[in-house]
Amino acid sequence: MRRRDRHGRGMRGPVAPPQVPLSASRADTFRDLVLDSVERLERRWPQLADVEFMVMEVPPPVSGETVPLGGSAPAEKNEPARVVVYRRPVEIRSKSREDRALLVHEVVVEQVAELLGLSPESVDPRYGQD
């Protein structure tokens, strides 16, 4: 039996074209913000292609008062250098999508600066101005 609406018509077609996702999860949207930020920085710093960028929900438990928004680890024997952005703490500190995008970029810039041993302003000259 075909399903019909109250006007006697059935489904007219798909709700969205196949190439358009019906909905992106918050985690997917957040990951895209991190990737956008990394792409911006890779144009200026090609060596970042060797760095692994990750998104984790929350940081591991720490004994300090402040919850970190991100972290970084230098390359080791068989492991690449890593930059981690913690999704939940960043989401809690940002009110809108624009605020979140700016905060994600700041966190990525700060962690890359720490890895490279540079100031955030030298990694991205627009750091702190947005």
Protein backbone atom coordinates (compact mmCIF):
# COMPACT_ATOMS: atom_id res chain seq x y z
CA MET A 1 0.00 0.00 0.00
CA ARG A 2 1.36 3.41 -0.96
CA ARG A 3 1.27 6.14 1.63
CA ARG A 4 -0.79 9.16 0.70
CA ASP A 5 -1.15 12.55 2.30
CA ARG A 6 -4.52 14.13 3.08
CA HIS A 7 -4.83 15.39 -0.50
CA GLY A 8 -4.50 11.90 -1.94
CA ARG A 9 -0.97 12.45 -3.23
CA GLY A 10 2.03 10.34 -2.40
CA MET A 11 5.61 11.40 -1.91
CA ARG A 12 6.60 13.66 -4.80
CA GLY A 13 10.32 13.03 -4.61
CA PRO A 14 13.27 13.03 -2.29
CA VAL A 15 13.36 15.71 0.38
CA ALA A 16 16.89 16.73 -0.61
CA PRO A 17 19.13 15.88 -3.57
CA PRO A 18 21.45 12.91 -2.90
CA GLN A 19 24.60 15.08 -2.78
CA VAL A 20 23.18 17.27 0.03
CA PRO A 21 23.22 15.82 3.54
CA LEU A 22 19.86 16.07 5.27
CA SER A 23 21.54 17.19 8.45
CA ALA A 24 25.08 17.43 9.65
CA SER A 25 25.70 16.54 13.27
CA ARG A 26 27.25 19.08 15.63
CA ALA A 27 30.40 16.96 15.71
CA ASP A 28 30.63 17.00 11.89
CA THR A 29 30.07 20.74 11.78
CA PHE A 30 32.74 21.27 14.44
CA ARG A 31 35.22 19.02 12.59
CA ASP A 32 34.62 21.12 9.46
CA LEU A 33 35.48 24.30 11.40
CA VAL A 34 38.78 22.73 12.50
CA LEU A 35 39.56 21.60 8.95
CA ASP A 36 38.81 25.09 7.58
CA SER A 37 41.19 26.59 10.11
CA VAL A 38 43.91 24.06 9.31
CA GLU A 39 43.56 24.72 5.57
CA ARG A 40 43.99 28.46 6.20
CA LEU A 41 47.19 27.83 8.12
CA GLU A 42 48.61 25.19 5.73
CA ARG A 43 48.74 27.78 2.94
CA ARG A 44 51.20 29.78 5.02
CA TRP A 45 52.91 26.84 6.80
CA PRO A 46 53.28 23.84 4.41
CA GLN A 47 55.05 21.80 7.13
CA LEU A 48 51.69 21.45 8.88
CA ALA A 49 50.83 18.73 6.35
CA ASP A 50 52.83 16.36 8.61
CA VAL A 51 50.81 17.31 11.71
CA GLU A 52 47.79 15.22 12.73
CA PHE A 53 44.82 17.40 13.70
CA MET A 54 42.18 15.75 15.90
CA VAL A 55 38.88 16.63 17.55
CA MET A 56 38.02 15.05 20.89
CA GLU A 57 34.82 15.54 22.87
CA VAL A 58 36.41 16.49 26.19
CA PRO A 59 39.94 16.72 27.56
CA PRO A 60 41.27 14.04 29.88
CA PRO A 61 40.73 14.85 33.58
CA VAL A 62 43.25 17.40 34.86
CA SER A 63 43.84 18.62 38.38
CA GLY A 64 43.91 22.29 37.36
CA GLU A 65 41.14 24.84 37.66
CA THR A 66 40.77 25.64 33.95
CA VAL A 67 39.54 23.24 31.30
CA PRO A 68 41.82 23.30 28.23
CA LEU A 69 40.32 24.05 24.82
CA GLY A 70 43.10 22.27 22.98
CA GLY A 71 46.43 20.55 23.28
CA SER A 72 49.48 19.63 21.23
CA ALA A 73 52.18 17.00 21.31
CA PRO A 74 55.47 17.06 19.37
CA ALA A 75 56.39 14.25 16.98
CA GLU A 76 57.92 11.15 18.54
CA LYS A 77 59.60 8.05 17.10
CA ASN A 78 56.75 6.59 15.05
CA GLU A 79 54.09 9.18 15.87
CA PRO A 80 53.45 12.46 14.03
CA ALA A 81 53.04 15.75 15.86
CA ARG A 82 49.46 16.19 17.04
CA VAL A 83 47.08 19.06 17.67
CA VAL A 84 43.83 18.33 19.50
CA VAL A 85 40.80 20.61 19.81
CA TYR A 86 38.28 19.71 22.52
CA ARG A 87 34.77 20.15 21.12
CA ARG A 88 32.57 20.46 24.23
CA PRO A 89 34.63 23.11 26.08
CA VAL A 90 34.81 25.21 22.88
CA GLU A 91 31.07 24.86 22.27
CA ILE A 92 30.29 25.88 25.85
CA ARG A 93 32.41 29.04 25.52
CA SER A 94 30.90 30.16 22.19
CA LYS A 95 27.41 31.53 21.69
CA SER A 96 27.02 31.43 17.89
CA ARG A 97 28.51 29.63 14.90
CA GLU A 98 30.64 32.69 14.11
CA ASP A 99 31.97 32.84 17.69
CA ARG A 100 32.70 29.12 17.54
CA ALA A 101 34.57 29.46 14.22
CA LEU A 102 36.72 32.28 15.65
CA LEU A 103 37.43 30.39 18.87
CA VAL A 104 38.32 27.18 16.98
CA HIS A 105 40.75 29.12 14.81
CA GLU A 106 42.34 30.77 17.85
CA VAL A 107 42.77 27.39 19.57
CA VAL A 108 44.32 25.85 16.43
CA VAL A 109 46.66 28.83 15.98
CA GLU A 110 47.75 28.71 19.65
CA GLN A 111 48.48 24.97 19.50
CA VAL A 112 50.36 25.24 16.19
CA ALA A 113 52.37 28.14 17.62
CA GLU A 114 53.29 25.99 20.61
CA LEU A 115 54.38 23.14 18.33
CA LEU A 116 56.49 25.43 16.12
CA GLY A 117 57.92 27.40 19.05
CA LEU A 118 56.55 30.68 17.70
CA SER A 119 54.13 33.32 18.88
CA PRO A 120 50.49 32.99 17.74
CA GLU A 121 50.80 36.35 15.93
CA SER A 122 53.64 35.03 13.77
CA VAL A 123 51.68 31.86 12.92
CA ASP A 124 48.64 33.93 11.86
CA PRO A 125 49.11 37.71 11.63
CA ARG A 126 45.34 38.20 12.12
CA TYR A 127 45.38 36.29 15.44
CA GLY A 128 43.37 38.12 18.10
CA GLN A 129 42.07 40.74 15.64
CA ASP A 130 38.87 38.99 14.55
